[in-house]
C-alpha atoms as a PDB file:
ATOM      1  CA  MET A   1     211.808  89.423  80.094  1.00  0.00           C
ATOM      2  CA  LYS A   2     215.194  90.035  82.197  1.00  0.00           C
ATOM      3  CA  ALA A   3     216.806  93.703  82.858  1.00  0.00           C
ATOM      4  CA  LYS A   4     219.991  92.153  81.271  1.00  0.00           C
ATOM      5  CA  SER A   5     218.039  91.893  77.671  1.00  0.00           C
ATOM      6  CA  VAL A   6     216.568  95.059  78.335  1.00  0.00           C
ATOM      7  CA  VAL A   7     219.785  97.265  79.068  1.00  0.00           C
ATOM      8  CA  LEU A   8     222.675  97.636  76.786  1.00  0.00           C
ATOM      9  CA  VAL A   9     226.168  98.898  77.506  1.00  0.00           C
ATOM     10  CA  ASP A  10     227.772 100.270  74.102  1.00  0.00           C
ATOM     11  CA  PRO A  11     230.439 102.309  73.461  1.00  0.00           C
ATOM     12  CA  GLU A  12     228.705 103.115  70.531  1.00  0.00           C
ATOM     13  CA  ILE A  13     226.015 104.326  72.037  1.00  0.00           C
ATOM     14  CA  LEU A  14     225.738 107.720  74.324  1.00  0.00           C
ATOM     15  CA  SER A  15     229.799 106.946  74.921  1.00  0.00           C
ATOM     16  CA  GLY A  16     228.619 103.608  76.898  1.00  0.00           C
ATOM     17  CA  THR A  17     225.881 104.444  78.849  1.00  0.00           C
ATOM     18  CA  PRO A  18     223.445 102.248  79.809  1.00  0.00           C
ATOM     19  CA  CYS A  19     220.366 102.299  77.484  1.00  0.00           C
ATOM     20  CA  PHE A  20     217.120 100.509  76.421  1.00  0.00           C
ATOM     21  CA  VAL A  21     217.990  97.923  74.360  1.00  0.00           C
ATOM     22  CA  GLY A  22     216.773  99.289  70.699  1.00  0.00           C
ATOM     23  CA  THR A  23     216.960 103.050  72.182  1.00  0.00           C
ATOM     24  CA  ARG A  24     218.775 105.888  73.092  1.00  0.00           C
ATOM     25  CA  VAL A  25     216.948 106.294  76.219  1.00  0.00           C
ATOM     26  CA  PRO A  26     219.408 105.971  79.117  1.00  0.00           C
ATOM     27  CA  ALA A  27     218.022 103.799  81.670  1.00  0.00           C
ATOM     28  CA  ARG A  28     218.706 106.247  84.559  1.00  0.00           C
ATOM     29  CA  ILE A  29     216.295 108.129  83.012  1.00  0.00           C
ATOM     30  CA  LEU A  30     213.219 106.229  84.323  1.00  0.00           C
ATOM     31  CA  PHE A  31     214.191 106.466  87.574  1.00  0.00           C
ATOM     32  CA  GLU A  32     214.903 109.809  87.563  1.00  0.00           C
ATOM     33  CA  TYR A  33     211.363 110.186  86.464  1.00  0.00           C
ATOM     34  CA  LEU A  34     209.831 108.257  89.692  1.00  0.00           C
ATOM     35  CA  GLU A  35     212.138 109.617  91.878  1.00  0.00           C
ATOM     36  CA  GLY A  36     210.587 112.825  90.742  1.00  0.00           C
ATOM     37  CA  GLY A  37     206.845 111.931  91.658  1.00  0.00           C
ATOM     38  CA  ASP A  38     206.466 111.033  87.725  1.00  0.00           C
ATOM     39  CA  SER A  39     204.798 107.811  87.067  1.00  0.00           C
ATOM     40  CA  LEU A  40     205.513 105.169  84.820  1.00  0.00           C
ATOM     41  CA  ASP A  41     202.514 106.097  82.562  1.00  0.00           C
ATOM     42  CA  GLU A  42     204.590 109.442  82.392  1.00  0.00           C
ATOM     43  CA  PHE A  43     207.837 108.019  81.463  1.00  0.00           C
ATOM     44  CA  LEU A  44     206.279 105.898  79.073  1.00  0.00           C
ATOM     45  CA  ALA A  45     204.732 108.678  76.938  1.00  0.00           C
ATOM     46  CA  ASP A  46     207.453 110.856  76.848  1.00  0.00           C
ATOM     47  CA  PHE A  47     209.743 108.256  75.560  1.00  0.00           C
ATOM     48  CA  PRO A  48     207.572 105.539  73.182  1.00  0.00           C
ATOM     49  CA  THR A  49     210.626 103.451  72.278  1.00  0.00           C
ATOM     50  CA  VAL A  50     210.793 102.100  75.476  1.00  0.00           C
ATOM     51  CA  SER A  51     208.263  99.224  76.182  1.00  0.00           C
ATOM     52  CA  ARG A  52     206.231  98.883  79.095  1.00  0.00           C
ATOM     53  CA  ALA A  53     207.724  95.609  79.284  1.00  0.00           C
ATOM     54  CA  GLN A  54     211.204  97.306  79.657  1.00  0.00           C
ATOM     55  CA  ALA A  55     210.468  99.216  82.017  1.00  0.00           C
ATOM     56  CA  VAL A  56     209.146  97.025  84.112  1.00  0.00           C
ATOM     57  CA  ALA A  57     212.069  94.281  83.466  1.00  0.00           C
ATOM     58  CA  LEU A  58     214.184  96.700  84.734  1.00  0.00           C
ATOM     59  CA  LEU A  59     212.470  97.993  87.984  1.00  0.00           C
ATOM     60  CA  THR A  60     211.817  94.230  88.919  1.00  0.00           C
ATOM     61  CA  GLU A  61     215.729  93.477  88.431  1.00  0.00           C
ATOM     62  CA  ALA A  62     216.477  96.401  90.710  1.00  0.00           C
ATOM     63  CA  SER A  63     214.289  95.417  93.409  1.00  0.00           C
ATOM     64  CA  GLU A  64     215.354  91.967  93.253  1.00  0.00           C
ATOM     65  CA  ARG A  65     219.035  93.177  93.578  1.00  0.00           C
ATOM     66  CA  LEU A  66     218.548  95.735  96.524  1.00  0.00           C
ATOM     67  CA  ALA A  67     216.798  92.896  98.312  1.00  0.00           C
ATOM     68  CA  LEU A  68     219.817  90.336  97.993  1.00  0.00           C
ATOM     69  CA  ALA A  69     222.245  93.505  98.822  1.00  0.00           C
ATOM     70  CA  PRO A  70     223.868  93.459 102.280  1.00  0.00           C
ATOM     71  CA  ALA A  71     223.026  95.205 104.976  1.00  0.00           C
END
């Protein structure tokens, strides 16, 4: 599952904030949880409309993009 298929930007949903497809959960919330020391399981428990596959796909895409970013 690619991150592009799990994140949607739609001006009709939360004013265009990138959200997990099929939810009103902003993608940035996952990063905020992890930055705050919470686990992926804690995020998923608090946002049950987001699947593990969606969250992992987003993290994988972010990691791949960072690895390709010029120094």
